[in-house]
Amino acid sequence: MTTVAIMQPYFVPYAGYFRLLAAADLFVIYDCVQFPRRGWVHRNRLRTHAGTLDWLTLPLERPPWQARLDSIRLAADAPERLRAALRAFALMHTEAGAALAEDLLLSGTAGRPLMRDYLETQLGRTAARLGLTTPVVRSSTLALPEPLRGPDRILAVCARLGATHYVNAPGGAGLYDPAAFAAFGVALRVLPPWTGAYDSILQRLADAPAEQVAAEIRAQSGPAGAAP
């Protein structure tokens, strides 16, 4: 039995995102799809000195319209712009928060790296702090047929990797038909809604020990059931 989770890479996502790594044998970075310009791939919200939430956005080279996620690069001045933007956030004024930002946000930003590579590095560093060792693969390496969309593309990923089970985030409950997956020999499981805070994992790790956050993630990564 091989359980696969497939998700776009997000910029310091909430702790519940990491349940997919905890619940799967293999995590697939879904980077062969169109870049969502107003999504959470390249931005997140952190707490300011006033206690309100504000956006922290990755500085990117201007992507062409309908650019694929795996084609976009960080801006040449991304390290400087990130450092300047971080000054507005409360976590930078604690020793632990500043160290986290250096390790999880600023490492790997120099030299115009592909955004996908940067986010994969960030994901790996965060997973290591949480004690999650799930192997990671990129969907762009799987030579998927370009016309495939939606569930058909997900099933193609599962087929390439020999997956018998596919675990999805709660938002996928209304997107996929368990019977369609079962017809291809793949059991679909959707995680239950996350009951913890939706703060960025960067904020969570600045506020609480990694062991505590990891325990919360693992406690909500167990079986939930098929999508309705």
Protein backbone atom coordinates (compact mmCIF):
# COMPACT_ATOMS: atom_id res chain seq x y z
CA MET A 1 0.00 0.00 0.00
CA THR A 2 1.34 3.41 -1.00
CA THR A 3 -0.39 6.60 0.10
CA VAL A 4 0.32 9.71 -1.92
CA ALA A 5 -0.53 13.35 -1.14
CA ILE A 6 -0.45 15.94 -3.92
CA MET A 7 -0.50 19.68 -3.29
CA GLN A 8 0.83 22.93 -4.70
CA PRO A 9 3.76 24.31 -2.67
CA TYR A 10 2.69 27.19 -0.44
CA PHE A 11 4.72 29.95 1.17
CA VAL A 12 5.02 29.16 4.92
CA PRO A 13 1.51 27.59 5.00
CA TYR A 14 -0.60 26.92 8.07
CA ALA A 15 0.25 23.90 10.24
CA GLY A 16 -2.64 21.86 8.84
CA TYR A 17 -0.91 21.73 5.45
CA PHE A 18 1.78 19.52 6.97
CA ARG A 19 -0.80 16.86 7.82
CA LEU A 20 -0.46 15.77 4.20
CA LEU A 21 3.19 14.88 4.80
CA ALA A 22 2.33 13.15 8.07
CA ALA A 23 -0.47 11.11 6.44
CA ALA A 24 1.35 10.06 3.25
CA ASP A 25 4.20 7.79 2.23
CA LEU A 26 5.11 10.19 -0.58
CA PHE A 27 4.37 13.90 -0.97
CA VAL A 28 4.07 15.32 -4.48
CA ILE A 29 4.78 19.00 -5.08
CA TYR A 30 2.15 19.84 -7.70
CA ASP A 31 4.20 22.24 -9.78
CA CYS A 32 3.02 21.39 -13.31
CA VAL A 33 -0.07 23.62 -13.17
CA GLN A 34 -0.80 27.29 -13.75
CA PHE A 35 0.51 29.75 -11.18
CA PRO A 36 -2.40 31.11 -9.09
CA ARG A 37 -1.65 34.82 -8.89
CA ARG A 38 -3.97 35.56 -5.98
CA GLY A 39 -3.47 32.35 -4.02
CA TRP A 40 -1.16 31.30 -1.19
CA VAL A 41 1.70 29.93 -3.27
CA HIS A 42 3.80 33.10 -3.03
CA ARG A 43 2.34 34.97 -0.05
CA ASN A 44 1.06 34.55 3.49
CA ARG A 45 -0.05 36.68 6.41
CA LEU A 46 1.95 37.32 9.57
CA ARG A 47 1.26 39.25 12.75
CA THR A 48 2.42 42.87 12.83
CA HIS A 49 3.60 44.82 15.88
CA ALA A 50 0.02 46.04 16.31
CA GLY A 51 -1.28 42.46 16.45
CA THR A 52 -3.06 42.64 13.10
CA LEU A 53 -2.33 40.39 10.12
CA ASP A 54 -0.60 41.70 7.02
CA TRP A 55 0.71 40.13 3.83
CA LEU A 56 4.28 39.01 3.33
CA THR A 57 4.81 38.37 -0.40
CA LEU A 58 7.69 36.65 -2.15
CA PRO A 59 9.40 39.07 -4.56
CA LEU A 60 9.05 37.44 -7.99
CA GLU A 61 10.09 38.22 -11.51
CA ARG A 62 6.94 39.26 -13.34
CA PRO A 63 5.50 35.99 -14.67
CA PRO A 64 3.93 35.76 -18.13
CA TRP A 65 0.17 35.33 -18.23
CA GLN A 66 -0.80 31.68 -17.63
CA ALA A 67 2.76 30.79 -16.60
CA ARG A 68 3.27 27.37 -15.08
CA LEU A 69 4.23 27.29 -11.43
CA ASP A 70 7.53 25.55 -12.19
CA SER A 71 8.70 28.33 -14.53
CA ILE A 72 8.65 31.34 -12.18
CA ARG A 73 11.78 32.77 -10.58
CA LEU A 74 12.39 34.90 -7.52
CA ALA A 75 13.45 38.45 -8.25
CA ALA A 76 17.17 39.20 -8.27
CA ASP A 77 16.77 41.46 -5.23
CA ALA A 78 14.49 39.03 -3.35
CA PRO A 79 16.78 38.67 -0.29
CA GLU A 80 16.98 42.43 0.28
CA ARG A 81 13.27 42.98 -0.30
CA LEU A 82 12.29 40.13 2.04
CA ARG A 83 14.56 41.42 4.80
CA ALA A 84 13.09 44.89 4.48
CA ALA A 85 9.50 43.61 4.47
CA LEU A 86 10.09 41.40 7.51
CA ARG A 87 10.85 44.40 9.71
CA ALA A 88 7.11 45.11 9.90
CA PHE A 89 6.36 41.81 11.64
CA ALA A 90 6.49 41.07 15.34
CA LEU A 91 8.36 37.76 15.11
CA MET A 92 11.48 39.53 13.85
CA HIS A 93 11.89 41.22 17.24
CA THR A 94 12.44 37.98 19.15
CA GLU A 95 15.60 35.92 18.92
CA ALA A 96 13.68 32.74 18.07
CA GLY A 97 11.55 34.43 15.43
CA ALA A 98 14.51 36.09 13.71
CA ALA A 99 16.38 32.78 13.61
CA LEU A 100 13.35 31.06 12.08
CA ALA A 101 13.01 33.73 9.43
CA GLU A 102 16.67 33.35 8.54
CA ASP A 103 16.36 29.57 8.22
CA LEU A 104 12.91 29.20 6.68
CA LEU A 105 12.51 32.38 4.63
CA LEU A 106 15.85 33.83 3.67
CA SER A 107 17.93 30.73 2.96
CA GLY A 108 17.94 29.92 -0.73
CA THR A 109 16.69 33.29 -1.95
CA ALA A 110 19.92 34.47 -3.60
CA GLY A 111 20.67 34.02 -7.28
CA ARG A 112 17.16 34.18 -8.82
CA PRO A 113 16.19 30.57 -7.99
CA LEU A 114 13.03 29.07 -9.37
CA MET A 115 10.20 29.76 -6.96
CA ARG A 116 9.37 26.04 -6.94
CA ASP A 117 12.93 25.18 -5.84
CA TYR A 118 12.83 27.82 -3.12
CA LEU A 119 9.47 26.59 -1.81
CA GLU A 120 10.67 22.99 -1.84
CA THR A 121 13.70 23.98 0.23
CA GLN A 122 11.45 25.84 2.64
CA LEU A 123 9.12 22.83 2.88
CA GLY A 124 12.01 20.49 3.63
CA ARG A 125 13.49 22.73 6.32
CA THR A 126 10.10 23.12 8.01
CA ALA A 127 9.34 19.40 7.80
CA ALA A 128 12.71 18.63 9.41
CA ARG A 129 11.88 20.93 12.33
CA LEU A 130 8.60 19.05 12.74
CA GLY A 131 10.24 15.62 12.53
CA LEU A 132 8.50 14.75 9.25
CA THR A 133 10.66 12.68 6.89
CA THR A 134 8.21 11.96 4.07
CA PRO A 135 9.99 11.77 0.67
CA VAL A 136 9.10 14.51 -1.81
CA VAL A 137 8.80 14.38 -5.61
CA ARG A 138 7.77 17.05 -8.13
CA SER A 139 4.88 16.38 -10.48
CA SER A 140 6.82 18.16 -13.25
CA THR A 141 9.26 15.22 -13.31
CA LEU A 142 6.53 12.67 -14.09
CA ALA A 143 5.98 13.47 -17.80
CA LEU A 144 2.22 13.81 -17.43
CA PRO A 145 0.17 14.23 -20.63
CA GLU A 146 -0.40 17.98 -20.96
CA PRO A 147 -4.14 17.89 -21.85
CA LEU A 148 -5.09 16.15 -18.59
CA ARG A 149 -6.90 18.35 -16.08
CA GLY A 150 -8.54 18.06 -12.66
CA PRO A 151 -9.07 14.54 -11.28
CA ASP A 152 -7.65 12.94 -14.44
CA ARG A 153 -4.33 14.65 -13.83
CA ILE A 154 -4.30 13.62 -10.17
CA LEU A 155 -5.02 10.02 -11.16
CA ALA A 156 -2.19 10.16 -13.68
CA VAL A 157 0.18 11.18 -10.88
CA CYS A 158 -1.09 8.28 -8.78
CA ALA A 159 -0.57 5.87 -11.68
CA ARG A 160 2.99 7.07 -12.32
CA LEU A 161 3.86 6.52 -8.65
CA GLY A 162 1.99 3.26 -8.13
CA ALA A 163 -0.26 4.81 -5.48
CA THR A 164 -3.03 2.74 -3.97
CA HIS A 165 -4.35 5.56 -1.74
CA TYR A 166 -4.67 9.29 -2.28
CA VAL A 167 -5.03 11.61 0.72
CA ASN A 168 -6.31 15.12 0.15
CA ALA A 169 -6.82 18.30 2.16
CA PRO A 170 -10.34 19.12 3.47
CA GLY A 171 -10.95 21.53 0.60
CA GLY A 172 -10.90 18.60 -1.83
CA ALA A 173 -14.01 16.99 -0.39
CA GLY A 174 -16.25 18.45 -3.07
CA LEU A 175 -13.78 18.13 -5.94
CA TYR A 176 -13.28 14.41 -6.35
CA ASP A 177 -15.57 11.39 -6.71
CA PRO A 178 -14.43 8.39 -4.61
CA ALA A 179 -16.08 6.01 -7.10
CA ALA A 180 -14.03 7.45 -9.98
CA PHE A 181 -10.83 6.96 -8.00
CA ALA A 182 -11.87 3.46 -6.94
CA ALA A 183 -12.42 2.56 -10.61
CA PHE A 184 -8.72 3.26 -11.14
CA GLY A 185 -7.73 1.23 -8.08
CA VAL A 186 -7.05 4.23 -5.87
CA ALA A 187 -8.80 4.77 -2.53
CA LEU A 188 -9.58 8.43 -1.86
CA ARG A 189 -9.32 9.83 1.68
CA VAL A 190 -10.00 13.42 2.69
CA LEU A 191 -8.63 14.80 5.93
CA PRO A 192 -11.14 16.31 8.37
CA PRO A 193 -11.27 20.08 8.81
CA TRP A 194 -8.30 21.47 10.72
CA THR A 195 -9.24 22.47 14.27
CA GLY A 196 -6.07 24.38 15.13
CA ALA A 197 -4.93 27.90 14.35
CA TYR A 198 -4.62 28.96 10.72
CA ASP A 199 -1.56 31.11 11.39
CA SER A 200 1.43 30.59 9.12
CA ILE A 201 3.70 27.77 10.29
CA LEU A 202 6.39 30.43 10.67
CA GLN A 203 4.27 32.23 13.23
CA ARG A 204 3.34 28.98 14.99
CA LEU A 205 6.97 27.89 15.33
CA ALA A 206 7.90 31.32 16.64
CA ASP A 207 5.19 31.08 19.31
CA ALA A 208 5.38 27.41 20.37
CA PRO A 209 7.94 24.56 20.55
CA ALA A 210 8.25 22.53 17.36
CA GLU A 211 7.40 19.36 19.28
CA GLN A 212 4.06 20.83 20.35
CA VAL A 213 3.14 21.92 16.84
CA ALA A 214 4.23 18.55 15.42
CA ALA A 215 2.07 16.69 17.95
CA GLU A 216 -0.94 18.78 16.91
CA ILE A 217 -0.28 17.95 13.25
CA ARG A 218 0.09 14.22 13.85
CA ALA A 219 -3.03 14.10 16.04
CA GLN A 220 -5.12 15.36 13.12
CA SER A 221 -3.48 13.27 10.38
CA GLY A 222 -5.24 9.98 11.05
CA PRO A 223 -7.99 8.32 9.02
CA ALA A 224 -11.06 10.40 8.32
CA GLY A 225 -12.86 8.74 5.44
CA ALA A 226 -13.72 9.03 1.77
CA ALA A 227 -15.08 12.21 0.28
CA PRO A 228 -18.87 12.38 0.29
